[in-house]
Amino acid sequence: MTLLLLALLAGPVAATDPPQNPNTADRKDLVSAVKVLEKKLGFRRTKNFHKGTAESAVAYRCYYTGKLELPDSYEKLQLLQGTKAGCPLDTEKYDVFFYPLDAVGSGKTPVSDSLAHEPMERFLVVVPHEDFHANKELRKLPAAWGEASATLIGFLTAQEVARQKFGENSEVYRNLQVEPELFARKAEIVNRYHAQLSRLYAAARAGQVSERDALAQKQQAFEELQQACTAFTPEPKSFNRCLAANNNAGLAFDETYTKYYPMMYQIYLAEGRELKPTAEALEKALKASTEAEVLRNLQMKRE
């Protein structure tokens, strides 16, 4: 996946039509509304979500890793193609995350049957999230930068479209308003346990902790992680508050999205929780040729 460099929003987008009923809204019409806003934001044009499909998922992926191995990105997980039936892997040997994709930013991804029937909040977030990956200029950066950026901008773009189409008093709009904060809470949990388990596995590799003890501590950590993410409320509407797979593969996958999200979320707060200034700040910060330069830019924006 690639990261889209945001251009500045020319001005506030005003709703011109009376609010629609989210329960009867035409999802093709919503895709069009998202595309209009994306154009104002400077998203590179894609053909994503212009067509529908009868398939329940776009693809079936099997991410996996060792029982005491924890990459920091889905890019470093091992990958096999699965089927509707699941993954042809030995779960006694590997930690496995079976992932039926309902969307991926290929540039011509259709609206899958599963995505078409997702809650309105998730549908509105997924479309701009995937379109955000279309920019080719930032492919040199690791996926963690693109996923964190696409997640935040996906939330904010979805909010604005919900405001336009359903009104500020709609439940969909109110739900989407809190998604950026809820994801920041998830990110704190995911990043904390990723760091904790990474230290544990490093100690095991160094012979400082036995394999048996490491596996026992691993099990306890994942139980605590599950409890921590289940405890925070309200429950998000557009993403899972816990790991999709409560193991190393699921944690490594989610770390791709959460690793840099807290830094970007702080920029969002500093910019008054507004789409346009947040887009401006991220555009400037992410216009870099190396990961270290992006990190410095984000740190400067927060100061």
Protein backbone atom coordinates (compact mmCIF):
# COMPACT_ATOMS: atom_id res chain seq x y z
CA MET A 1 0.00 0.00 0.00
CA THR A 2 1.12 3.54 -0.64
CA LEU A 3 0.50 6.78 1.17
CA LEU A 4 -1.38 9.70 -0.32
CA LEU A 5 0.06 13.17 0.16
CA LEU A 6 -2.74 15.53 1.15
CA ALA A 7 -3.27 18.86 -0.58
CA LEU A 8 -4.95 21.74 1.19
CA LEU A 9 -8.69 21.92 1.39
CA ALA A 10 -9.72 25.01 -0.56
CA GLY A 11 -12.44 25.97 1.90
CA PRO A 12 -15.19 24.61 4.14
CA VAL A 13 -17.61 22.27 2.44
CA ALA A 14 -21.21 23.25 2.99
CA ALA A 15 -24.13 20.86 2.89
CA THR A 16 -26.46 21.80 0.07
CA ASP A 17 -29.12 19.11 0.46
CA PRO A 18 -31.39 18.24 3.38
CA PRO A 19 -29.98 15.46 5.60
CA GLN A 20 -30.65 11.94 4.37
CA ASN A 21 -31.77 8.98 6.41
CA PRO A 22 -28.67 6.79 6.99
CA ASN A 23 -30.86 3.68 6.93
CA THR A 24 -32.02 4.36 3.39
CA ALA A 25 -28.96 6.12 1.98
CA ASP A 26 -27.70 4.87 -1.39
CA ARG A 27 -24.13 3.72 -0.88
CA LYS A 28 -23.20 4.58 -4.46
CA ASP A 29 -24.31 8.13 -3.71
CA LEU A 30 -22.14 8.10 -0.58
CA VAL A 31 -19.13 6.93 -2.56
CA SER A 32 -19.71 9.84 -4.93
CA ALA A 33 -19.88 12.24 -1.98
CA VAL A 34 -16.61 10.86 -0.62
CA LYS A 35 -14.97 11.24 -4.03
CA VAL A 36 -16.08 14.87 -4.29
CA LEU A 37 -14.53 15.68 -0.92
CA GLU A 38 -11.39 13.72 -1.78
CA LYS A 39 -10.95 15.85 -4.89
CA LYS A 40 -11.11 19.01 -2.76
CA LEU A 41 -8.55 17.50 -0.42
CA GLY A 42 -6.20 16.67 -3.27
CA PHE A 43 -6.54 12.88 -3.22
CA ARG A 44 -5.20 11.22 -6.32
CA ARG A 45 -8.15 10.00 -8.38
CA THR A 46 -8.87 6.27 -8.23
CA LYS A 47 -11.51 3.89 -9.54
CA ASN A 48 -11.91 2.26 -6.14
CA PHE A 49 -15.50 1.49 -5.10
CA HIS A 50 -17.15 2.51 -8.35
CA LYS A 51 -18.34 -1.04 -8.96
CA GLY A 52 -20.06 -3.65 -6.87
CA THR A 53 -19.34 -7.36 -6.66
CA ALA A 54 -21.10 -10.47 -5.43
CA GLU A 55 -17.97 -11.70 -3.68
CA SER A 56 -18.05 -11.58 0.11
CA ALA A 57 -14.38 -10.56 0.22
CA VAL A 58 -11.78 -9.18 -2.16
CA ALA A 59 -9.12 -11.67 -1.03
CA TYR A 60 -8.30 -14.14 1.73
CA ARG A 61 -4.92 -13.65 3.35
CA CYS A 62 -3.10 -15.75 5.93
CA TYR A 63 -0.57 -13.72 7.90
CA TYR A 64 1.60 -15.77 10.25
CA THR A 65 4.70 -15.70 12.40
CA GLY A 66 6.50 -17.77 15.02
CA LYS A 67 5.23 -18.30 18.54
CA LEU A 68 8.01 -16.11 19.94
CA GLU A 69 8.42 -13.77 16.99
CA LEU A 70 6.84 -10.32 16.77
CA PRO A 71 7.44 -8.10 13.72
CA ASP A 72 6.47 -4.42 13.93
CA SER A 73 4.49 -4.37 10.68
CA TYR A 74 2.37 -6.56 8.44
CA GLU A 75 5.12 -6.05 5.86
CA LYS A 76 7.37 -8.33 7.92
CA LEU A 77 4.81 -11.06 8.57
CA GLN A 78 4.87 -14.18 6.46
CA LEU A 79 1.96 -14.43 4.05
CA LEU A 80 0.02 -17.15 2.28
CA GLN A 81 -3.16 -16.93 0.26
CA GLY A 82 -6.08 -18.60 1.97
CA THR A 83 -9.60 -19.56 0.98
CA LYS A 84 -13.06 -19.04 2.42
CA ALA A 85 -12.35 -22.11 4.54
CA GLY A 86 -9.35 -20.50 6.23
CA CYS A 87 -5.58 -20.95 6.27
CA PRO A 88 -3.55 -24.12 5.49
CA LEU A 89 -1.21 -23.56 8.45
CA ASP A 90 -0.36 -25.45 11.63
CA THR A 91 -1.56 -23.21 14.48
CA GLU A 92 0.48 -25.28 16.93
CA LYS A 93 3.60 -24.08 15.14
CA TYR A 94 2.59 -20.58 14.07
CA ASP A 95 0.50 -17.65 15.26
CA VAL A 96 -1.97 -17.10 12.42
CA PHE A 97 -4.21 -14.21 11.42
CA PHE A 98 -6.83 -15.14 8.82
CA TYR A 99 -7.87 -11.94 7.08
CA PRO A 100 -10.79 -11.86 4.62
CA LEU A 101 -10.27 -8.45 3.02
CA ASP A 102 -13.38 -6.48 2.15
CA ALA A 103 -11.36 -3.65 0.63
CA VAL A 104 -7.83 -2.85 -0.52
CA GLY A 105 -6.53 0.27 -2.24
CA SER A 106 -5.64 -1.30 -5.58
CA GLY A 107 -6.95 1.63 -7.60
CA LYS A 108 -9.89 -0.32 -8.97
CA THR A 109 -11.23 -2.16 -5.94
CA PRO A 110 -14.99 -2.80 -6.10
CA VAL A 111 -17.44 -2.52 -3.24
CA SER A 112 -17.48 -6.09 -1.94
CA ASP A 113 -20.70 -7.61 -0.69
CA SER A 114 -19.30 -7.70 2.83
CA LEU A 115 -18.33 -4.01 2.76
CA ALA A 116 -21.70 -3.03 1.31
CA HIS A 117 -23.38 -4.52 4.37
CA GLU A 118 -21.00 -3.11 6.96
CA PRO A 119 -22.27 -0.43 9.40
CA MET A 120 -22.47 3.01 7.82
CA GLU A 121 -19.60 4.33 9.94
CA ARG A 122 -17.18 1.66 8.76
CA PHE A 123 -18.26 2.03 5.13
CA LEU A 124 -17.64 5.78 5.20
CA VAL A 125 -14.20 5.34 6.79
CA VAL A 126 -12.98 2.50 4.55
CA VAL A 127 -13.56 4.33 1.27
CA PRO A 128 -11.30 7.36 1.96
CA HIS A 129 -8.84 5.22 3.91
CA GLU A 130 -8.17 3.05 0.87
CA ASP A 131 -8.23 5.94 -1.58
CA PHE A 132 -5.67 7.73 0.60
CA HIS A 133 -3.10 5.10 -0.34
CA ALA A 134 -3.15 6.04 -4.02
CA ASN A 135 -0.31 8.56 -4.01
CA LYS A 136 2.90 7.14 -5.47
CA GLU A 137 5.23 9.81 -4.10
CA LEU A 138 5.47 8.32 -0.62
CA ARG A 139 5.94 4.66 -1.47
CA LYS A 140 9.47 4.92 -0.14
CA LEU A 141 8.10 5.17 3.40
CA PRO A 142 7.23 2.06 5.45
CA ALA A 143 3.58 0.99 5.61
CA ALA A 144 3.25 2.15 9.21
CA TRP A 145 3.31 5.79 8.10
CA GLY A 146 0.71 5.24 5.40
CA GLU A 147 -1.65 3.23 7.59
CA ALA A 148 -1.58 5.67 10.50
CA SER A 149 -2.16 8.62 8.16
CA ALA A 150 -4.88 6.86 6.19
CA THR A 151 -6.61 5.87 9.42
CA LEU A 152 -6.77 9.40 10.78
CA ILE A 153 -7.71 11.06 7.49
CA GLY A 154 -10.25 8.29 6.87
CA PHE A 155 -11.98 9.18 10.13
CA LEU A 156 -11.98 12.91 9.40
CA THR A 157 -13.16 12.56 5.80
CA ALA A 158 -15.93 10.21 6.89
CA GLN A 159 -17.02 12.73 9.53
CA GLU A 160 -17.37 15.50 6.97
CA VAL A 161 -19.32 13.35 4.53
CA ALA A 162 -21.63 12.21 7.35
CA ARG A 163 -22.18 15.85 8.32
CA GLN A 164 -23.06 16.77 4.75
CA LYS A 165 -25.35 13.83 4.07
CA PHE A 166 -26.96 13.12 7.45
CA GLY A 167 -26.54 16.30 9.49
CA GLU A 168 -24.72 17.17 12.71
CA ASN A 169 -27.47 15.67 14.86
CA SER A 170 -27.30 12.27 13.19
CA GLU A 171 -26.10 9.27 15.12
CA VAL A 172 -23.64 8.39 12.35
CA TYR A 173 -21.97 11.80 12.55
CA ARG A 174 -21.82 11.74 16.34
CA ASN A 175 -20.33 8.25 16.30
CA LEU A 176 -17.67 9.25 13.79
CA GLN A 177 -16.71 12.28 15.85
CA VAL A 178 -15.33 10.07 18.62
CA GLU A 179 -13.58 7.49 16.42
CA PRO A 180 -10.22 9.37 16.27
CA GLU A 181 -10.03 9.45 20.07
CA LEU A 182 -11.12 5.84 20.46
CA PHE A 183 -8.45 4.71 18.02
CA ALA A 184 -5.87 6.69 20.00
CA ARG A 185 -6.90 4.68 23.06
CA LYS A 186 -6.55 1.44 21.13
CA ALA A 187 -3.17 2.57 19.80
CA GLU A 188 -1.86 3.14 23.32
CA ILE A 189 -2.82 -0.39 24.33
CA VAL A 190 -1.48 -2.04 21.17
CA ASN A 191 1.81 -0.14 21.25
CA ARG A 192 2.33 -0.83 24.95
CA TYR A 193 1.87 -4.58 24.67
CA HIS A 194 3.84 -4.76 21.44
CA ALA A 195 6.81 -3.17 23.24
CA GLN A 196 6.36 -5.44 26.27
CA LEU A 197 6.24 -8.65 24.24
CA SER A 198 9.10 -7.55 21.98
CA ARG A 199 11.30 -7.23 25.08
CA LEU A 200 10.16 -10.64 26.31
CA TYR A 201 10.97 -12.37 23.02
CA ALA A 202 14.36 -10.65 22.85
CA ALA A 203 15.13 -11.97 26.34
CA ALA A 204 14.09 -15.46 25.25
CA ARG A 205 16.37 -15.31 22.20
CA ALA A 206 19.23 -14.19 24.44
CA GLY A 207 18.68 -17.14 26.75
CA GLN A 208 17.65 -14.93 29.65
CA VAL A 209 14.15 -16.46 29.76
CA SER A 210 13.31 -20.08 29.02
CA GLU A 211 10.97 -20.88 26.15
CA ARG A 212 8.45 -22.34 28.59
CA ASP A 213 8.45 -19.21 30.76
CA ALA A 214 8.31 -16.95 27.73
CA LEU A 215 5.24 -18.75 26.39
CA ALA A 216 3.56 -18.52 29.78
CA GLN A 217 4.26 -14.79 30.04
CA LYS A 218 3.08 -14.35 26.46
CA GLN A 219 -0.25 -15.99 27.26
CA GLN A 220 -0.73 -13.75 30.29
CA ALA A 221 0.13 -10.62 28.30
CA PHE A 222 -2.40 -11.41 25.58
CA GLU A 223 -5.07 -12.07 28.20
CA GLU A 224 -4.32 -8.68 29.76
CA LEU A 225 -4.35 -7.01 26.35
CA GLN A 226 -7.77 -8.48 25.60
CA GLN A 227 -9.12 -7.25 28.92
CA ALA A 228 -7.68 -3.77 28.40
CA CYS A 229 -9.13 -3.24 24.94
CA THR A 230 -12.50 -4.70 25.89
CA ALA A 231 -12.74 -2.37 28.88
CA PHE A 232 -12.70 0.98 27.10
CA THR A 233 -16.01 2.45 26.02
CA PRO A 234 -17.92 3.37 23.95
CA GLU A 235 -17.28 0.59 21.49
CA PRO A 236 -16.00 1.93 18.14
CA LYS A 237 -18.24 1.65 15.10
CA SER A 238 -15.70 1.61 12.27
CA PHE A 239 -12.91 -0.61 13.63
CA ASN A 240 -12.30 -3.44 16.07
CA ARG A 241 -11.30 -2.16 19.49
CA CYS A 242 -9.35 -5.40 20.09
CA LEU A 243 -7.00 -7.39 17.88
CA ALA A 244 -8.61 -9.34 15.07
CA ALA A 245 -6.38 -12.24 16.15
CA ASN A 246 -5.19 -12.21 19.76
CA ASN A 247 -1.70 -13.47 18.98
CA ASN A 248 1.63 -12.29 17.55
CA ALA A 249 0.33 -12.11 13.99
CA GLY A 250 -2.68 -10.03 14.97
CA LEU A 251 -0.57 -7.75 17.17
CA ALA A 252 2.05 -7.19 14.48
CA PHE A 253 -0.69 -6.42 11.96
CA ASP A 254 -2.38 -3.84 14.18
CA GLU A 255 0.95 -2.28 15.14
CA THR A 256 1.26 -1.17 11.52
CA TYR A 257 -1.77 1.06 12.04
CA THR A 258 -1.09 2.19 15.60
CA LYS A 259 2.67 2.74 15.79
CA TYR A 260 2.65 6.36 14.61
CA TYR A 261 -1.01 7.16 15.12
CA PRO A 262 -0.52 8.83 18.56
CA MET A 263 1.86 11.40 17.04
CA MET A 264 -0.58 12.19 14.26
CA TYR A 265 -3.48 12.33 16.69
CA GLN A 266 -1.62 14.97 18.72
CA ILE A 267 -1.28 17.07 15.58
CA TYR A 268 -5.02 16.70 15.03
CA LEU A 269 -5.66 17.97 18.58
CA ALA A 270 -3.21 20.83 18.13
CA GLU A 271 -5.01 21.86 14.94
CA GLY A 272 -8.36 22.18 16.71
CA ARG A 273 -9.72 18.80 15.59
CA GLU A 274 -10.33 20.24 12.14
CA LEU A 275 -9.87 18.48 8.81
CA LYS A 276 -8.28 21.28 6.81
CA PRO A 277 -5.47 22.32 9.21
CA THR A 278 -4.77 18.69 10.11
CA ALA A 279 -4.45 17.90 6.41
CA GLU A 280 -2.11 20.85 5.95
CA ALA A 281 0.09 19.82 8.86
CA LEU A 282 0.31 16.20 7.77
CA GLU A 283 1.03 17.22 4.19
CA LYS A 284 4.06 19.19 5.29
CA ALA A 285 5.27 16.62 7.80
CA LEU A 286 5.00 13.66 5.44
CA LYS A 287 6.72 15.37 2.54
CA ALA A 288 10.02 13.65 3.22
CA SER A 289 12.31 11.12 1.61
CA THR A 290 13.23 9.14 4.72
CA GLU A 291 11.48 7.78 7.78
CA ALA A 292 13.82 9.71 10.09
CA GLU A 293 12.91 12.96 8.35
CA VAL A 294 9.19 12.28 8.71
CA LEU A 295 9.71 11.59 12.41
CA ARG A 296 11.56 14.87 12.87
CA ASN A 297 8.85 16.75 10.98
CA LEU A 298 6.08 15.30 13.14
CA GLN A 299 7.98 16.05 16.32
CA MET A 300 8.47 19.65 15.22
CA LYS A 301 4.76 19.97 14.46
CA ARG A 302 3.92 18.84 17.98
CA GLU A 303 6.27 21.34 19.64
